[in-house]
Amino acid sequence: MSERKTISFISAPGGVGKTTIALCLSWFLRERNNTPLLIDLDPSLGLTLNLKDFRDYKKEIEDKAKTSADLLEKVIEGGKLRDLEFKYYISNAYFQGVAIDFIASSIRLEDVMGKIWHTTSAGHSEKKLRDALKLMPSDLKYDYIILDNIPCYGLTYALTSLFASDICIVPLRLTYNDLGRTIGMIRKLQETAEKFELSEEEFSNKLYFLFNQVETQYKREGKIPDYKREIQNEFPKATIFYKYIGSQVGFTRIGTKEEQPSDSRNVRKIFTIFYEEFESKIIKL
């Protein structure tokens, strides 16, 4: 791979598996000698608290102002981050036995996003995260930046990630309700992005749709061809992953205190199917 790729996870509803997929993707990348950096952009701390106990998070990260909110606030205030300062925001944890670098979130992120989008002094609001990532020093040789977002009823988060990303992965559950909400959200996101001079082609080229059969009462794998056709009709230039992530209860427990001895093995088996396609579509680009 010739240069770093920034990948964001966005969705219309919650519960589609963004955080779990981001964590598993980082796990697989690290095992294959890649170096991902995870960034939590959800003020509810979903990704952060999968990597840190809340008490440790408060003591080691939030109380020391080492979060994505603090990083973005520094940028919108016009501060220039020296190399050492950028490294300051990066925390470390282990997931499935591999070291993961990440930038934690904070409940303050909502306030900071408000400053970015609703004050005249911010300017080019949609590019602030991209600007922050450009300040990363050259010796931090991350192959991938992986952004985990709040569900897109917070559209400003999706826009901020969109402009910072090369690729936006959109996980969907296998229900018509989720398909409809997702198509509606992506349309709205596209309309808004065009106001910031992102062309339809540029927008569509970033989109990668992924079906995730999370644990629900519905088993609708047979509907995937129908769902794919609807997405292709709406966004003909977008990419759809051919493989979907199969149902496995271990995804809800992996990395938590409830993890069972077989969970890692079962999750690895199912996630490998998606990861092999991820390699062919994204890593080998």
C-alpha atoms as a PDB file:
ATOM      1  CA  MET A   1       0.000   0.000   0.000  1.00  0.00           C
ATOM      2  CA  SER A   2       1.473   3.306  -1.106  1.00  0.00           C
ATOM      3  CA  GLU A   3      -0.170   5.782   1.262  1.00  0.00           C
ATOM      4  CA  ARG A   4      -2.337   6.026   4.348  1.00  0.00           C
ATOM      5  CA  LYS A   5      -6.074   5.493   3.923  1.00  0.00           C
ATOM      6  CA  THR A   6      -8.716   7.070   6.131  1.00  0.00           C
ATOM      7  CA  ILE A   7     -11.815   4.919   6.560  1.00  0.00           C
ATOM      8  CA  SER A   8     -14.956   6.082   8.344  1.00  0.00           C
ATOM      9  CA  PHE A   9     -17.961   4.075   9.505  1.00  0.00           C
ATOM     10  CA  ILE A  10     -21.305   5.850   9.191  1.00  0.00           C
ATOM     11  CA  SER A  11     -24.920   4.703   9.488  1.00  0.00           C
ATOM     12  CA  ALA A  12     -28.456   6.027   9.801  1.00  0.00           C
ATOM     13  CA  PRO A  13     -29.620   3.873  12.752  1.00  0.00           C
ATOM     14  CA  GLY A  14     -27.620   2.686  15.723  1.00  0.00           C
ATOM     15  CA  GLY A  15     -26.933  -0.945  16.493  1.00  0.00           C
ATOM     16  CA  VAL A  16     -25.667  -1.866  13.030  1.00  0.00           C
ATOM     17  CA  GLY A  17     -22.221  -2.905  14.267  1.00  0.00           C
ATOM     18  CA  LYS A  18     -20.023   0.080  13.339  1.00  0.00           C
ATOM     19  CA  THR A  19     -17.929  -0.053  16.499  1.00  0.00           C
ATOM     20  CA  THR A  20     -17.530  -3.833  16.518  1.00  0.00           C
ATOM     21  CA  ILE A  21     -16.543  -3.877  12.841  1.00  0.00           C
ATOM     22  CA  ALA A  22     -14.045  -1.031  13.390  1.00  0.00           C
ATOM     23  CA  LEU A  23     -12.468  -2.921  16.298  1.00  0.00           C
ATOM     24  CA  CYS A  24     -12.337  -6.256  14.461  1.00  0.00           C
ATOM     25  CA  LEU A  25     -10.897  -4.572  11.386  1.00  0.00           C
ATOM     26  CA  SER A  26      -8.147  -3.016  13.508  1.00  0.00           C
ATOM     27  CA  TRP A  27      -7.464  -6.405  15.100  1.00  0.00           C
ATOM     28  CA  PHE A  28      -7.091  -8.104  11.706  1.00  0.00           C
ATOM     29  CA  LEU A  29      -4.966  -5.280  10.290  1.00  0.00           C
ATOM     30  CA  ARG A  30      -2.571  -5.397  13.270  1.00  0.00           C
ATOM     31  CA  GLU A  31      -2.185  -9.168  12.974  1.00  0.00           C
ATOM     32  CA  ARG A  32      -1.089  -8.625   9.381  1.00  0.00           C
ATOM     33  CA  ASN A  33       1.552  -6.036  10.284  1.00  0.00           C
ATOM     34  CA  ASN A  34      -0.505  -2.978   9.382  1.00  0.00           C
ATOM     35  CA  THR A  35      -0.706  -0.005  11.739  1.00  0.00           C
ATOM     36  CA  PRO A  36      -4.215   1.396  12.217  1.00  0.00           C
ATOM     37  CA  LEU A  37      -5.170   4.368  14.401  1.00  0.00           C
ATOM     38  CA  LEU A  38      -8.751   4.295  15.686  1.00  0.00           C
ATOM     39  CA  ILE A  39     -10.524   7.596  16.391  1.00  0.00           C
ATOM     40  CA  ASP A  40     -13.744   7.645  18.403  1.00  0.00           C
ATOM     41  CA  LEU A  41     -16.140  10.342  17.141  1.00  0.00           C
ATOM     42  CA  ASP A  42     -19.117   9.266  19.236  1.00  0.00           C
ATOM     43  CA  PRO A  43     -19.728  11.308  22.413  1.00  0.00           C
ATOM     44  CA  SER A  44     -21.376   8.246  23.982  1.00  0.00           C
ATOM     45  CA  LEU A  45     -17.868   6.653  24.070  1.00  0.00           C
ATOM     46  CA  GLY A  46     -18.857   3.368  22.441  1.00  0.00           C
ATOM     47  CA  LEU A  47     -15.464   2.524  20.977  1.00  0.00           C
ATOM     48  CA  THR A  48     -13.519   4.117  23.821  1.00  0.00           C
ATOM     49  CA  LEU A  49     -15.176   2.002  26.500  1.00  0.00           C
ATOM     50  CA  ASN A  50     -14.570  -1.148  24.483  1.00  0.00           C
ATOM     51  CA  LEU A  51     -10.866  -0.422  24.915  1.00  0.00           C
ATOM     52  CA  LYS A  52     -10.712   1.192  28.367  1.00  0.00           C
ATOM     53  CA  ASP A  53     -12.515   0.694  31.649  1.00  0.00           C
ATOM     54  CA  PHE A  54     -14.412   3.896  32.510  1.00  0.00           C
ATOM     55  CA  ARG A  55     -12.353   4.556  35.639  1.00  0.00           C
ATOM     56  CA  ASP A  56      -9.104   4.190  33.704  1.00  0.00           C
ATOM     57  CA  TYR A  57     -10.516   6.331  30.911  1.00  0.00           C
ATOM     58  CA  LYS A  58     -11.358   9.135  33.347  1.00  0.00           C
ATOM     59  CA  LYS A  59      -7.958   9.025  35.030  1.00  0.00           C
ATOM     60  CA  GLU A  60      -5.683   8.408  32.037  1.00  0.00           C
ATOM     61  CA  ILE A  61      -7.506  10.180  29.220  1.00  0.00           C
ATOM     62  CA  GLU A  62     -10.424  12.496  29.942  1.00  0.00           C
ATOM     63  CA  ASP A  63      -8.986  14.201  33.013  1.00  0.00           C
ATOM     64  CA  LYS A  64      -5.811  14.875  31.003  1.00  0.00           C
ATOM     65  CA  ALA A  65      -7.737  16.295  27.990  1.00  0.00           C
ATOM     66  CA  LYS A  66      -6.466  13.594  25.599  1.00  0.00           C
ATOM     67  CA  THR A  67      -9.630  13.100  23.521  1.00  0.00           C
ATOM     68  CA  SER A  68     -10.843  13.728  19.966  1.00  0.00           C
ATOM     69  CA  ALA A  69     -12.816  16.675  21.362  1.00  0.00           C
ATOM     70  CA  ASP A  70      -9.620  18.241  22.712  1.00  0.00           C
ATOM     71  CA  LEU A  71      -7.758  17.629  19.449  1.00  0.00           C
ATOM     72  CA  LEU A  72     -10.491  19.245  17.345  1.00  0.00           C
ATOM     73  CA  GLU A  73     -10.836  22.142  19.750  1.00  0.00           C
ATOM     74  CA  LYS A  74      -7.128  22.831  19.457  1.00  0.00           C
ATOM     75  CA  VAL A  75      -7.470  22.959  15.671  1.00  0.00           C
ATOM     76  CA  ILE A  76     -10.487  25.286  15.571  1.00  0.00           C
ATOM     77  CA  GLU A  77      -8.769  27.639  17.979  1.00  0.00           C
ATOM     78  CA  GLY A  78      -6.011  27.981  15.407  1.00  0.00           C
ATOM     79  CA  GLY A  79      -3.361  26.160  17.398  1.00  0.00           C
ATOM     80  CA  LYS A  80      -0.443  24.561  15.615  1.00  0.00           C
ATOM     81  CA  LEU A  81       0.227  21.097  16.958  1.00  0.00           C
ATOM     82  CA  ARG A  82       3.868  20.297  17.290  1.00  0.00           C
ATOM     83  CA  ASP A  83       4.833  16.645  16.709  1.00  0.00           C
ATOM     84  CA  LEU A  84       4.910  15.835  20.404  1.00  0.00           C
ATOM     85  CA  GLU A  85       1.521  17.438  20.954  1.00  0.00           C
ATOM     86  CA  PHE A  86      -0.247  15.287  18.365  1.00  0.00           C
ATOM     87  CA  LYS A  87       1.209  12.145  19.917  1.00  0.00           C
ATOM     88  CA  TYR A  88      -0.170  13.316  23.257  1.00  0.00           C
ATOM     89  CA  TYR A  89      -3.743  12.598  22.142  1.00  0.00           C
ATOM     90  CA  ILE A  90      -3.030   8.965  21.243  1.00  0.00           C
ATOM     91  CA  SER A  91      -3.829   6.299  23.845  1.00  0.00           C
ATOM     92  CA  ASN A  92      -3.037   2.585  23.839  1.00  0.00           C
ATOM     93  CA  ALA A  93      -4.923  -0.588  24.676  1.00  0.00           C
ATOM     94  CA  TYR A  94      -5.062  -4.271  23.771  1.00  0.00           C
ATOM     95  CA  PHE A  95      -7.830  -5.975  21.840  1.00  0.00           C
ATOM     96  CA  GLN A  96      -7.656  -9.732  21.230  1.00  0.00           C
ATOM     97  CA  GLY A  97      -4.004  -9.712  22.213  1.00  0.00           C
ATOM     98  CA  VAL A  98      -2.857  -7.032  19.762  1.00  0.00           C
ATOM     99  CA  ALA A  99      -1.833  -3.480  20.609  1.00  0.00           C
ATOM    100  CA  ILE A 100      -4.294  -0.842  19.393  1.00  0.00           C
ATOM    101  CA  ASP A 101      -3.582   2.887  19.172  1.00  0.00           C
ATOM    102  CA  PHE A 102      -6.657   5.079  19.469  1.00  0.00           C
ATOM    103  CA  ILE A 103      -7.887   8.583  20.194  1.00  0.00           C
ATOM    104  CA  ALA A 104     -10.694   8.418  22.722  1.00  0.00           C
ATOM    105  CA  SER A 105     -13.913  10.411  22.618  1.00  0.00           C
ATOM    106  CA  SER A 106     -15.548  12.629  25.228  1.00  0.00           C
ATOM    107  CA  ILE A 107     -19.043  13.830  26.037  1.00  0.00           C
ATOM    108  CA  ARG A 108     -17.561  17.268  25.288  1.00  0.00           C
ATOM    109  CA  LEU A 109     -17.343  16.333  21.635  1.00  0.00           C
ATOM    110  CA  GLU A 110     -20.936  17.511  21.091  1.00  0.00           C
ATOM    111  CA  ASP A 111     -19.979  20.983  22.338  1.00  0.00           C
ATOM    112  CA  VAL A 112     -16.904  21.068  20.125  1.00  0.00           C
ATOM    113  CA  MET A 113     -18.878  19.980  17.062  1.00  0.00           C
ATOM    114  CA  GLY A 114     -21.280  22.792  17.846  1.00  0.00           C
ATOM    115  CA  LYS A 115     -18.372  25.252  17.799  1.00  0.00           C
ATOM    116  CA  ILE A 116     -17.185  23.852  14.484  1.00  0.00           C
ATOM    117  CA  TRP A 117     -20.536  24.058  12.732  1.00  0.00           C
ATOM    118  CA  HIS A 118     -22.362  26.922  14.379  1.00  0.00           C
ATOM    119  CA  THR A 119     -19.836  29.700  14.839  1.00  0.00           C
ATOM    120  CA  THR A 120     -18.689  32.060  12.109  1.00  0.00           C
ATOM    121  CA  SER A 121     -15.101  31.918  13.344  1.00  0.00           C
ATOM    122  CA  ALA A 122     -14.707  28.195  12.584  1.00  0.00           C
ATOM    123  CA  GLY A 123     -14.772  28.511   8.772  1.00  0.00           C
ATOM    124  CA  HIS A 124     -14.658  25.493   6.436  1.00  0.00           C
ATOM    125  CA  SER A 125     -16.401  23.474   9.152  1.00  0.00           C
ATOM    126  CA  GLU A 126     -16.549  20.319   7.058  1.00  0.00           C
ATOM    127  CA  LYS A 127     -12.738  20.193   6.783  1.00  0.00           C
ATOM    128  CA  LYS A 128     -11.690  20.575  10.418  1.00  0.00           C
ATOM    129  CA  LEU A 129     -11.086  16.890  11.054  1.00  0.00           C
ATOM    130  CA  ARG A 130      -9.209  16.592   7.774  1.00  0.00           C
ATOM    131  CA  ASP A 131      -7.095  19.567   8.856  1.00  0.00           C
ATOM    132  CA  ALA A 132      -6.387  17.896  12.204  1.00  0.00           C
ATOM    133  CA  LEU A 133      -5.228  14.677  10.530  1.00  0.00           C
ATOM    134  CA  LYS A 134      -2.926  16.634   8.237  1.00  0.00           C
ATOM    135  CA  LEU A 135      -1.061  17.777  11.345  1.00  0.00           C
ATOM    136  CA  MET A 136      -0.002  14.221  12.129  1.00  0.00           C
ATOM    137  CA  PRO A 137       3.799  14.081  12.166  1.00  0.00           C
ATOM    138  CA  SER A 138       5.561  11.974   9.560  1.00  0.00           C
ATOM    139  CA  ASP A 139       7.090   9.586  12.087  1.00  0.00           C
ATOM    140  CA  LEU A 140       3.600   8.357  13.075  1.00  0.00           C
ATOM    141  CA  LYS A 141       3.460   5.834  10.272  1.00  0.00           C
ATOM    142  CA  TYR A 142      -0.151   4.719  10.411  1.00  0.00           C
ATOM    143  CA  ASP A 143      -1.383   2.805   7.372  1.00  0.00           C
ATOM    144  CA  TYR A 144      -5.028   3.370   8.271  1.00  0.00           C
ATOM    145  CA  ILE A 145      -7.027   5.934  10.189  1.00  0.00           C
ATOM    146  CA  ILE A 146     -10.367   4.388  11.203  1.00  0.00           C
ATOM    147  CA  LEU A 147     -13.158   6.739  12.311  1.00  0.00           C
ATOM    148  CA  ASP A 148     -16.105   5.451  14.356  1.00  0.00           C
ATOM    149  CA  ASN A 149     -19.124   7.783  14.328  1.00  0.00           C
ATOM    150  CA  ILE A 150     -22.350   8.524  16.117  1.00  0.00           C
ATOM    151  CA  PRO A 151     -25.389   7.360  14.076  1.00  0.00           C
ATOM    152  CA  CYS A 152     -26.272   9.969  11.503  1.00  0.00           C
ATOM    153  CA  TYR A 153     -29.130  11.702  13.185  1.00  0.00           C
ATOM    154  CA  GLY A 154     -26.021  13.786  13.960  1.00  0.00           C
ATOM    155  CA  LEU A 155     -25.413  14.656  10.286  1.00  0.00           C
ATOM    156  CA  THR A 156     -22.555  17.035  11.079  1.00  0.00           C
ATOM    157  CA  TYR A 157     -20.471  14.115  12.344  1.00  0.00           C
ATOM    158  CA  ALA A 158     -21.000  12.230   9.083  1.00  0.00           C
ATOM    159  CA  LEU A 159     -20.078  15.306   7.035  1.00  0.00           C
ATOM    160  CA  THR A 160     -16.963  15.931   9.088  1.00  0.00           C
ATOM    161  CA  SER A 161     -15.879  12.302   8.597  1.00  0.00           C
ATOM    162  CA  LEU A 162     -16.848  12.285   4.924  1.00  0.00           C
ATOM    163  CA  PHE A 163     -14.478  15.125   4.079  1.00  0.00           C
ATOM    164  CA  ALA A 164     -11.681  13.544   6.112  1.00  0.00           C
ATOM    165  CA  SER A 165     -12.077  10.071   4.583  1.00  0.00           C
ATOM    166  CA  ASP A 166     -11.027   8.234   1.467  1.00  0.00           C
ATOM    167  CA  ILE A 167     -13.635   5.556   2.113  1.00  0.00           C
ATOM    168  CA  CYS A 168     -16.941   5.574   4.030  1.00  0.00           C
ATOM    169  CA  ILE A 169     -18.207   2.113   4.985  1.00  0.00           C
ATOM    170  CA  VAL A 170     -21.965   2.041   5.607  1.00  0.00           C
ATOM    171  CA  PRO A 171     -23.088  -1.081   7.528  1.00  0.00           C
ATOM    172  CA  LEU A 172     -26.745  -2.130   7.171  1.00  0.00           C
ATOM    173  CA  ARG A 173     -28.850  -4.673   8.982  1.00  0.00           C
ATOM    174  CA  LEU A 174     -30.924  -6.972   6.793  1.00  0.00           C
ATOM    175  CA  THR A 175     -34.293  -5.235   7.175  1.00  0.00           C
ATOM    176  CA  TYR A 176     -36.257  -3.032   4.790  1.00  0.00           C
ATOM    177  CA  ASN A 177     -36.596  -0.420   7.526  1.00  0.00           C
ATOM    178  CA  ASP A 178     -32.836  -0.077   7.862  1.00  0.00           C
ATOM    179  CA  LEU A 179     -32.417  -0.061   4.081  1.00  0.00           C
ATOM    180  CA  GLY A 180     -34.950   2.744   3.712  1.00  0.00           C
ATOM    181  CA  ARG A 181     -33.492   4.831   6.534  1.00  0.00           C
ATOM    182  CA  THR A 182     -29.977   4.341   5.219  1.00  0.00           C
ATOM    183  CA  ILE A 183     -30.842   5.359   1.655  1.00  0.00           C
ATOM    184  CA  GLY A 184     -32.626   8.436   3.007  1.00  0.00           C
ATOM    185  CA  MET A 185     -29.653   9.390   5.161  1.00  0.00           C
ATOM    186  CA  ILE A 186     -27.156   8.945   2.329  1.00  0.00           C
ATOM    187  CA  ARG A 187     -29.297  11.062  -0.006  1.00  0.00           C
ATOM    188  CA  LYS A 188     -29.415  13.844   2.581  1.00  0.00           C
ATOM    189  CA  LEU A 189     -25.689  13.537   3.184  1.00  0.00           C
ATOM    190  CA  GLN A 190     -25.039  13.801  -0.550  1.00  0.00           C
ATOM    191  CA  GLU A 191     -27.282  16.872  -0.928  1.00  0.00           C
ATOM    192  CA  THR A 192     -25.487  18.598   1.931  1.00  0.00           C
ATOM    193  CA  ALA A 193     -22.008  17.592   0.748  1.00  0.00           C
ATOM    194  CA  GLU A 194     -22.718  19.075  -2.679  1.00  0.00           C
ATOM    195  CA  LYS A 195     -23.264  22.466  -1.004  1.00  0.00           C
ATOM    196  CA  PHE A 196     -19.634  22.195   0.092  1.00  0.00           C
ATOM    197  CA  GLU A 197     -18.567  21.473  -3.495  1.00  0.00           C
ATOM    198  CA  LEU A 198     -18.129  17.716  -3.263  1.00  0.00           C
ATOM    199  CA  SER A 199     -19.264  16.333  -6.617  1.00  0.00           C
ATOM    200  CA  GLU A 200     -21.675  13.429  -6.991  1.00  0.00           C
ATOM    201  CA  GLU A 201     -18.884  11.284  -8.420  1.00  0.00           C
ATOM    202  CA  GLU A 202     -16.467  12.115  -5.600  1.00  0.00           C
ATOM    203  CA  PHE A 203     -19.194  11.377  -3.069  1.00  0.00           C
ATOM    204  CA  SER A 204     -20.247   8.058  -4.627  1.00  0.00           C
ATOM    205  CA  ASN A 205     -16.667   6.850  -4.996  1.00  0.00           C
ATOM    206  CA  LYS A 206     -16.241   7.061  -1.230  1.00  0.00           C
ATOM    207  CA  LEU A 207     -19.272   4.870  -0.442  1.00  0.00           C
ATOM    208  CA  TYR A 208     -18.923   1.178   0.433  1.00  0.00           C
ATOM    209  CA  PHE A 209     -22.095  -0.572   1.627  1.00  0.00           C
ATOM    210  CA  LEU A 210     -21.754  -3.610   3.908  1.00  0.00           C
ATOM    211  CA  PHE A 211     -24.529  -5.940   5.082  1.00  0.00           C
ATOM    212  CA  ASN A 212     -24.172  -7.081   8.679  1.00  0.00           C
ATOM    213  CA  GLN A 213     -26.427  -9.853   9.962  1.00  0.00           C
ATOM    214  CA  VAL A 214     -26.420  -8.720  13.586  1.00  0.00           C
ATOM    215  CA  GLU A 215     -28.266 -10.825  16.150  1.00  0.00           C
ATOM    216  CA  THR A 216     -31.963 -10.078  15.487  1.00  0.00           C
ATOM    217  CA  GLN A 217     -35.141 -12.079  15.068  1.00  0.00           C
ATOM    218  CA  TYR A 218     -34.874 -11.600  11.326  1.00  0.00           C
ATOM    219  CA  LYS A 219     -32.901 -13.930   9.045  1.00  0.00           C
ATOM    220  CA  ARG A 220     -33.086 -12.337   5.623  1.00  0.00           C
ATOM    221  CA  GLU A 221     -29.900 -13.306   3.818  1.00  0.00           C
ATOM    222  CA  GLY A 222     -32.040 -14.258   0.817  1.00  0.00           C
ATOM    223  CA  LYS A 223     -33.134 -10.631   0.462  1.00  0.00           C
ATOM    224  CA  ILE A 224     -29.588  -9.327  -0.054  1.00  0.00           C
ATOM    225  CA  PRO A 225     -29.820  -9.365  -3.892  1.00  0.00           C
ATOM    226  CA  ASP A 226     -33.002  -7.228  -3.661  1.00  0.00           C
ATOM    227  CA  TYR A 227     -31.357  -4.809  -1.233  1.00  0.00           C
ATOM    228  CA  LYS A 228     -28.286  -4.549  -3.458  1.00  0.00           C
ATOM    229  CA  ARG A 229     -30.426  -3.652  -6.462  1.00  0.00           C
ATOM    230  CA  GLU A 230     -32.152  -0.879  -4.516  1.00  0.00           C
ATOM    231  CA  ILE A 231     -28.809   0.571  -3.426  1.00  0.00           C
ATOM    232  CA  GLN A 232     -27.387   0.328  -6.938  1.00  0.00           C
ATOM    233  CA  ASN A 233     -30.456   2.086  -8.345  1.00  0.00           C
ATOM    234  CA  GLU A 234     -29.970   4.965  -5.900  1.00  0.00           C
ATOM    235  CA  PHE A 235     -26.153   5.138  -5.928  1.00  0.00           C
ATOM    236  CA  PRO A 236     -24.917   3.415  -9.108  1.00  0.00           C
ATOM    237  CA  LYS A 237     -21.270   4.426  -8.599  1.00  0.00           C
ATOM    238  CA  ALA A 238     -21.054   3.244  -5.003  1.00  0.00           C
ATOM    239  CA  THR A 239     -19.373  -0.056  -4.062  1.00  0.00           C
ATOM    240  CA  ILE A 240     -21.249  -2.883  -2.344  1.00  0.00           C
ATOM    241  CA  PHE A 241     -19.354  -5.641  -0.548  1.00  0.00           C
ATOM    242  CA  TYR A 242     -20.316  -8.955  -2.093  1.00  0.00           C
ATOM    243  CA  LYS A 243     -19.798 -10.802   1.211  1.00  0.00           C
ATOM    244  CA  TYR A 244     -21.854  -9.984   4.290  1.00  0.00           C
ATOM    245  CA  ILE A 245     -20.920 -10.424   7.949  1.00  0.00           C
ATOM    246  CA  GLY A 246     -22.801 -13.437   9.267  1.00  0.00           C
ATOM    247  CA  SER A 247     -24.686 -13.666  12.532  1.00  0.00           C
ATOM    248  CA  GLN A 248     -22.658 -14.695  15.588  1.00  0.00           C
ATOM    249  CA  VAL A 249     -23.487 -13.858  19.203  1.00  0.00           C
ATOM    250  CA  GLY A 250     -19.748 -13.644  19.935  1.00  0.00           C
ATOM    251  CA  PHE A 251     -19.663 -10.237  18.221  1.00  0.00           C
ATOM    252  CA  THR A 252     -21.687  -8.786  21.110  1.00  0.00           C
ATOM    253  CA  ARG A 253     -19.285 -10.172  23.731  1.00  0.00           C
ATOM    254  CA  ILE A 254     -15.855 -10.053  22.158  1.00  0.00           C
ATOM    255  CA  GLY A 255     -13.519  -7.726  24.007  1.00  0.00           C
ATOM    256  CA  THR A 256     -15.872  -7.452  27.009  1.00  0.00           C
ATOM    257  CA  LYS A 257     -15.866  -9.113  30.418  1.00  0.00           C
ATOM    258  CA  GLU A 258     -18.630 -11.405  29.125  1.00  0.00           C
ATOM    259  CA  GLU A 259     -16.443 -12.878  26.368  1.00  0.00           C
ATOM    260  CA  GLN A 260     -16.615 -16.686  26.218  1.00  0.00           C
ATOM    261  CA  PRO A 261     -13.632 -18.945  25.362  1.00  0.00           C
ATOM    262  CA  SER A 262     -15.025 -19.765  21.906  1.00  0.00           C
ATOM    263  CA  ASP A 263     -16.031 -16.201  20.938  1.00  0.00           C
ATOM    264  CA  SER A 264     -12.721 -15.105  19.477  1.00  0.00           C
ATOM    265  CA  ARG A 265     -12.459 -18.230  17.326  1.00  0.00           C
ATOM    266  CA  ASN A 266     -16.054 -17.939  16.068  1.00  0.00           C
ATOM    267  CA  VAL A 267     -15.792 -14.221  15.341  1.00  0.00           C
ATOM    268  CA  ARG A 268     -12.475 -14.711  13.547  1.00  0.00           C
ATOM    269  CA  LYS A 269     -14.005 -17.380  11.295  1.00  0.00           C
ATOM    270  CA  ILE A 270     -16.942 -15.181  10.276  1.00  0.00           C
ATOM    271  CA  PHE A 271     -15.031 -11.895  10.019  1.00  0.00           C
ATOM    272  CA  THR A 272     -12.319 -13.451   7.851  1.00  0.00           C
ATOM    273  CA  ILE A 273     -14.870 -13.835   5.046  1.00  0.00           C
ATOM    274  CA  PHE A 274     -15.444 -10.077   5.004  1.00  0.00           C
ATOM    275  CA  TYR A 275     -11.793  -9.214   5.589  1.00  0.00           C
ATOM    276  CA  GLU A 276     -10.633 -11.141   2.521  1.00  0.00           C
ATOM    277  CA  GLU A 277     -12.952  -9.027   0.370  1.00  0.00           C
ATOM    278  CA  PHE A 278     -11.812  -5.887   2.202  1.00  0.00           C
ATOM    279  CA  GLU A 279      -8.255  -6.788   1.226  1.00  0.00           C
ATOM    280  CA  SER A 280      -9.152  -7.169  -2.431  1.00  0.00           C
ATOM    281  CA  LYS A 281     -11.284  -4.010  -2.630  1.00  0.00           C
ATOM    282  CA  ILE A 282      -9.360  -1.607  -0.378  1.00  0.00           C
ATOM    283  CA  ILE A 283      -5.915  -2.794   0.708  1.00  0.00           C
ATOM    284  CA  LYS A 284      -4.892  -3.615  -2.863  1.00  0.00           C
ATOM    285  CA  LEU A 285      -6.172  -0.355  -4.319  1.00  0.00           C
END
